[in-house]
Amino acid sequence: MRLELQGRNALVTGGAGGIGGAIADALAAEGVAVASADTRPPPDGAGRFLELDVRDRDAVLRAFDAAEDSGVVDILVNAAGLYPSDPILEMSEAAWDRVMDVNVKGMFLTSQEFCRRLVAAGRPGCIVNITSGAAERARVGAAHYCTSKAAAEMLTRAFALEFAEHGIRVNAVSPGYVEVGSAVNPLSAEYKAAITGSIPLGRAGAPADIAQAVLFLCSRGAEWVTGASWRVDGGSRAGTLGLPLSRVS
């Protein structure tokens, strides 16, 4: 299937590395003009970088203005996010607010501005939000993260419903465990081993696995898809792996 993405213009938040970086690279490889927006530049300095703190409305406006040097932005990928670990009794108010501000408020601000501009221009477009399986399954040490991703799933549906009449499609890709080697959100070896062992397909995901799903949702092949959340998780939410048969032998 041909994706037919050439000539489009995309803004990818969290595009400096990890999942966001892989998405930016995959879109660019399909002929999309991509602006990667993040609080830090990508390590290799490749591609077009825009400094952006998604919590700041004025910074969001400036990022869209800069990205539109290549034409109207008609693809938005919200991949910026925090993945901390804080047990509830140790969680500060500031830690809660930071996760909610980046993972939910930031997604709202970028999506709102994207839709505002496309509606004013009378142009269609698409948003893909990177959410998480944590939206459906709570995890110890991640009350703020899981709550934020559940909110992001609902935000996806709300935007999809409200902007369908304008030809703006809004979907989510919901990853399982993806190995990104992040210095910002480091994971313990014990956690990695435990979660990888629970994946039916037998391996952690790679950022490219998520990028491929995003490409399809941005393509013409997904023109009748909106308000959806696509699980890309190696089968993790299909059920519980590793239990013995329940019958008595």
Protein backbone atom coordinates (compact mmCIF):
# COMPACT_ATOMS: atom_id res chain seq x y z
CA MET A 1 0.00 0.00 0.00
CA ARG A 2 1.28 3.45 -0.92
CA LEU A 3 1.24 5.90 1.97
CA GLU A 4 1.13 8.98 -0.30
CA LEU A 5 2.57 11.34 2.31
CA GLN A 6 4.82 13.36 0.00
CA GLY A 7 4.33 17.11 0.24
CA ARG A 8 2.79 17.05 3.72
CA ASN A 9 4.13 19.20 6.58
CA ALA A 10 4.48 17.75 10.09
CA LEU A 11 5.28 18.94 13.59
CA VAL A 12 6.47 16.18 15.94
CA THR A 13 6.73 17.04 19.63
CA GLY A 14 9.24 15.06 21.64
CA GLY A 15 11.07 14.62 18.36
CA ALA A 16 14.64 14.80 19.69
CA GLY A 17 14.93 11.06 20.22
CA GLY A 18 13.26 7.83 21.24
CA ILE A 19 9.79 7.23 19.85
CA GLY A 20 9.37 10.84 18.69
CA GLY A 21 12.69 10.79 16.89
CA ALA A 22 11.86 7.55 15.09
CA ILE A 23 8.51 9.00 14.01
CA ALA A 24 10.16 12.17 12.70
CA ASP A 25 12.71 10.10 10.74
CA ALA A 26 10.01 7.82 9.30
CA LEU A 27 7.86 10.72 8.16
CA ALA A 28 10.86 12.45 6.57
CA ALA A 29 11.74 9.24 4.72
CA GLU A 30 8.25 9.35 3.14
CA GLY A 31 8.77 12.87 1.80
CA VAL A 32 7.14 14.81 4.63
CA ALA A 33 8.66 18.17 5.68
CA VAL A 34 9.24 17.54 9.39
CA ALA A 35 9.95 19.91 12.25
CA SER A 36 11.07 18.08 15.41
CA ALA A 37 10.10 20.07 18.48
CA ASP A 38 11.61 19.36 21.88
CA THR A 39 13.21 20.98 24.90
CA ARG A 40 16.59 19.72 23.71
CA PRO A 41 18.10 19.19 20.24
CA PRO A 42 18.57 15.70 18.82
CA PRO A 43 22.02 14.22 19.57
CA ASP A 44 23.01 13.96 15.92
CA GLY A 45 21.82 17.46 15.01
CA ALA A 46 20.06 16.10 11.91
CA GLY A 47 16.84 17.50 10.46
CA ARG A 48 14.96 20.63 11.42
CA PHE A 49 14.78 21.30 15.17
CA LEU A 50 12.48 23.71 17.02
CA GLU A 51 12.93 24.35 20.72
CA LEU A 52 9.57 23.84 22.43
CA ASP A 53 8.24 23.42 25.94
CA VAL A 54 4.73 22.14 25.23
CA ARG A 55 3.47 23.54 28.54
CA ASP A 56 3.97 27.10 27.27
CA ARG A 57 1.19 28.41 25.01
CA ASP A 58 3.34 31.19 23.59
CA ALA A 59 6.10 28.70 22.76
CA VAL A 60 3.54 26.51 21.01
CA LEU A 61 2.42 29.45 18.85
CA ARG A 62 6.02 30.24 17.94
CA ALA A 63 6.72 26.61 17.03
CA PHE A 64 3.76 26.48 14.65
CA ASP A 65 4.76 29.81 13.10
CA ALA A 66 8.26 28.47 12.48
CA ALA A 67 7.07 25.10 11.18
CA GLU A 68 4.76 26.82 8.70
CA ASP A 69 7.76 28.18 6.81
CA SER A 70 7.40 24.88 4.92
CA GLY A 71 3.63 25.32 4.44
CA VAL A 72 0.54 24.69 6.54
CA VAL A 73 1.20 22.03 9.17
CA ASP A 74 -1.28 19.26 8.39
CA ILE A 75 0.24 16.47 10.50
CA LEU A 76 0.75 16.77 14.25
CA VAL A 77 2.31 13.98 16.28
CA ASN A 78 2.21 14.47 20.04
CA ALA A 79 5.08 12.31 21.31
CA ALA A 80 6.39 14.58 24.08
CA GLY A 81 5.97 12.94 27.46
CA LEU A 82 7.42 12.14 30.87
CA TYR A 83 7.72 8.62 32.33
CA PRO A 84 8.77 9.02 35.99
CA SER A 85 8.53 6.57 38.87
CA ASP A 86 7.22 7.93 42.17
CA PRO A 87 5.36 5.86 44.78
CA ILE A 88 2.18 7.66 45.79
CA LEU A 89 3.24 8.47 49.37
CA GLU A 90 6.51 9.91 48.06
CA MET A 91 4.96 11.82 45.15
CA SER A 92 5.18 15.57 45.46
CA GLU A 93 2.57 17.96 44.17
CA ALA A 94 5.20 19.35 41.82
CA ALA A 95 5.92 15.89 40.40
CA TRP A 96 2.20 15.29 39.79
CA ASP A 97 1.76 18.69 38.16
CA ARG A 98 4.81 18.29 35.91
CA VAL A 99 3.59 14.98 34.48
CA MET A 100 0.05 16.23 33.94
CA ASP A 101 1.27 19.50 32.41
CA VAL A 102 3.57 17.81 29.88
CA ASN A 103 1.52 14.70 29.09
CA VAL A 104 -1.97 16.26 29.04
CA LYS A 105 -1.88 20.05 29.00
CA GLY A 106 0.91 20.08 26.41
CA MET A 107 -1.04 17.70 24.18
CA PHE A 108 -4.11 19.91 24.51
CA LEU A 109 -2.26 23.13 23.68
CA THR A 110 -0.53 21.78 20.57
CA SER A 111 -3.68 20.04 19.33
CA GLN A 112 -5.84 23.10 19.93
CA GLU A 113 -3.49 25.36 17.97
CA PHE A 114 -3.17 22.81 15.16
CA CYS A 115 -6.94 22.56 14.81
CA ARG A 116 -7.44 26.32 15.13
CA ARG A 117 -5.14 26.95 12.18
CA LEU A 118 -6.53 24.20 9.97
CA VAL A 119 -10.15 25.23 10.60
CA ALA A 120 -9.28 28.84 9.75
CA ALA A 121 -7.58 27.68 6.55
CA GLY A 122 -10.36 25.25 5.64
CA ARG A 123 -7.82 22.44 5.41
CA PRO A 124 -8.00 18.79 6.55
CA GLY A 125 -5.27 17.18 8.63
CA CYS A 126 -4.48 14.54 11.19
CA ILE A 127 -3.21 14.26 14.73
CA VAL A 128 -1.60 11.16 16.20
CA ASN A 129 -1.18 11.12 19.97
CA ILE A 130 1.30 8.75 21.58
CA THR A 131 -0.47 7.37 24.63
CA SER A 132 0.34 4.13 26.48
CA GLY A 133 -0.98 0.81 27.68
CA ALA A 134 -0.70 2.46 31.11
CA ALA A 135 -3.94 4.25 30.23
CA GLU A 136 -5.71 0.94 30.93
CA ARG A 137 -3.45 -0.81 33.44
CA ALA A 138 -2.21 0.88 36.60
CA ARG A 139 1.35 0.33 37.73
CA VAL A 140 3.08 0.82 41.07
CA GLY A 141 5.01 4.09 41.06
CA ALA A 142 3.13 5.54 38.11
CA ALA A 143 -0.14 6.98 39.39
CA HIS A 144 0.59 10.33 37.71
CA TYR A 145 1.78 8.74 34.46
CA CYS A 146 -1.10 6.26 34.17
CA THR A 147 -3.65 8.96 34.94
CA SER A 148 -2.11 11.29 32.37
CA LYS A 149 -2.23 8.64 29.65
CA ALA A 150 -5.86 7.78 30.43
CA ALA A 151 -6.62 11.48 30.07
CA ALA A 152 -4.72 11.56 26.76
CA GLU A 153 -6.88 8.73 25.43
CA MET A 154 -10.05 10.65 26.25
CA LEU A 155 -8.59 13.87 24.85
CA THR A 156 -7.99 11.99 21.59
CA ARG A 157 -11.64 10.99 21.38
CA ALA A 158 -12.90 14.46 22.30
CA PHE A 159 -10.82 16.13 19.59
CA ALA A 160 -11.81 13.44 17.07
CA LEU A 161 -15.49 14.05 17.72
CA GLU A 162 -15.32 17.82 17.66
CA PHE A 163 -13.19 18.23 14.55
CA ALA A 164 -14.48 15.42 12.34
CA GLU A 165 -16.73 17.86 10.47
CA HIS A 166 -13.60 19.80 9.50
CA GLY A 167 -11.84 16.76 8.05
CA ILE A 168 -9.34 16.60 10.92
CA ARG A 169 -8.73 13.04 12.05
CA VAL A 170 -7.41 12.41 15.56
CA ASN A 171 -6.10 9.02 16.65
CA ALA A 172 -3.76 7.54 19.23
CA VAL A 173 -1.04 4.93 19.09
CA SER A 174 -0.85 3.13 22.41
CA PRO A 175 2.56 1.48 22.83
CA GLY A 176 3.52 -1.26 25.19
CA TYR A 177 7.04 -1.42 26.54
CA VAL A 178 9.44 0.18 24.06
CA GLU A 179 13.19 0.18 24.66
CA VAL A 180 14.39 3.74 24.07
CA GLY A 181 17.43 3.98 26.37
CA SER A 182 16.27 7.34 27.69
CA ALA A 183 18.58 9.30 29.99
CA VAL A 184 15.58 11.47 30.91
CA ASN A 185 13.38 8.56 32.02
CA PRO A 186 15.82 5.76 33.02
CA LEU A 187 14.49 2.29 33.87
CA SER A 188 15.97 -0.30 36.20
CA ALA A 189 17.32 -3.59 34.79
CA GLU A 190 14.90 -5.47 37.07
CA TYR A 191 11.92 -3.60 35.63
CA LYS A 192 13.07 -4.15 32.04
CA ALA A 193 13.50 -7.89 32.56
CA ALA A 194 10.12 -8.29 34.27
CA ILE A 195 8.14 -6.36 31.69
CA THR A 196 9.89 -7.93 28.69
CA GLY A 197 9.12 -11.37 30.08
CA SER A 198 5.40 -10.54 30.04
CA ILE A 199 5.26 -9.71 26.30
CA PRO A 200 3.70 -12.53 24.22
CA LEU A 201 5.81 -11.78 21.14
CA GLY A 202 8.90 -12.20 23.27
CA ARG A 203 10.71 -8.90 22.88
CA ALA A 204 10.56 -5.26 23.79
CA GLY A 205 9.25 -2.91 21.18
CA ALA A 206 11.49 -0.59 19.19
CA PRO A 207 10.73 3.05 18.36
CA ALA A 208 10.44 2.04 14.69
CA ASP A 209 7.55 -0.30 15.57
CA ILE A 210 5.56 2.69 16.81
CA ALA A 211 6.63 4.88 13.89
CA GLN A 212 5.18 2.43 11.37
CA ALA A 213 1.75 2.59 13.01
CA VAL A 214 1.91 6.39 13.01
CA LEU A 215 2.75 6.45 9.30
CA PHE A 216 -0.35 4.43 8.47
CA LEU A 217 -2.64 6.62 10.59
CA CYS A 218 -1.32 9.70 8.75
CA SER A 219 -1.81 8.09 5.34
CA ARG A 220 -4.72 7.98 2.91
CA GLY A 221 -5.23 4.35 3.86
CA ALA A 222 -6.59 5.56 7.21
CA GLU A 223 -8.96 8.20 5.85
CA TRP A 224 -11.94 6.58 7.61
CA VAL A 225 -10.17 6.14 10.93
CA THR A 226 -10.63 8.69 13.71
CA GLY A 227 -11.08 8.50 17.46
CA ALA A 228 -9.21 5.19 17.54
CA SER A 229 -6.44 3.99 19.83
CA TRP A 230 -4.18 1.42 18.19
CA ARG A 231 -2.41 -1.02 20.48
CA VAL A 232 1.18 -1.65 19.41
CA ASP A 233 2.42 -3.72 22.30
CA GLY A 234 3.58 -7.17 21.22
CA GLY A 235 0.31 -8.64 22.51
CA SER A 236 0.71 -7.39 26.09
CA ARG A 237 -2.95 -6.47 26.52
CA ALA A 238 -4.26 -9.65 24.95
CA GLY A 239 -4.16 -11.31 28.36
CA THR A 240 -1.90 -12.59 31.12
CA LEU A 241 1.14 -14.51 29.94
CA GLY A 242 2.91 -17.17 31.99
CA LEU A 243 0.08 -18.64 34.03
CA PRO A 244 -0.23 -22.45 34.09
CA LEU A 245 -3.42 -24.21 33.04
CA SER A 246 -6.09 -23.75 35.70
CA ARG A 247 -7.38 -27.32 35.52
CA VAL A 248 -6.36 -29.92 38.07
CA SER A 249 -4.48 -32.75 36.34
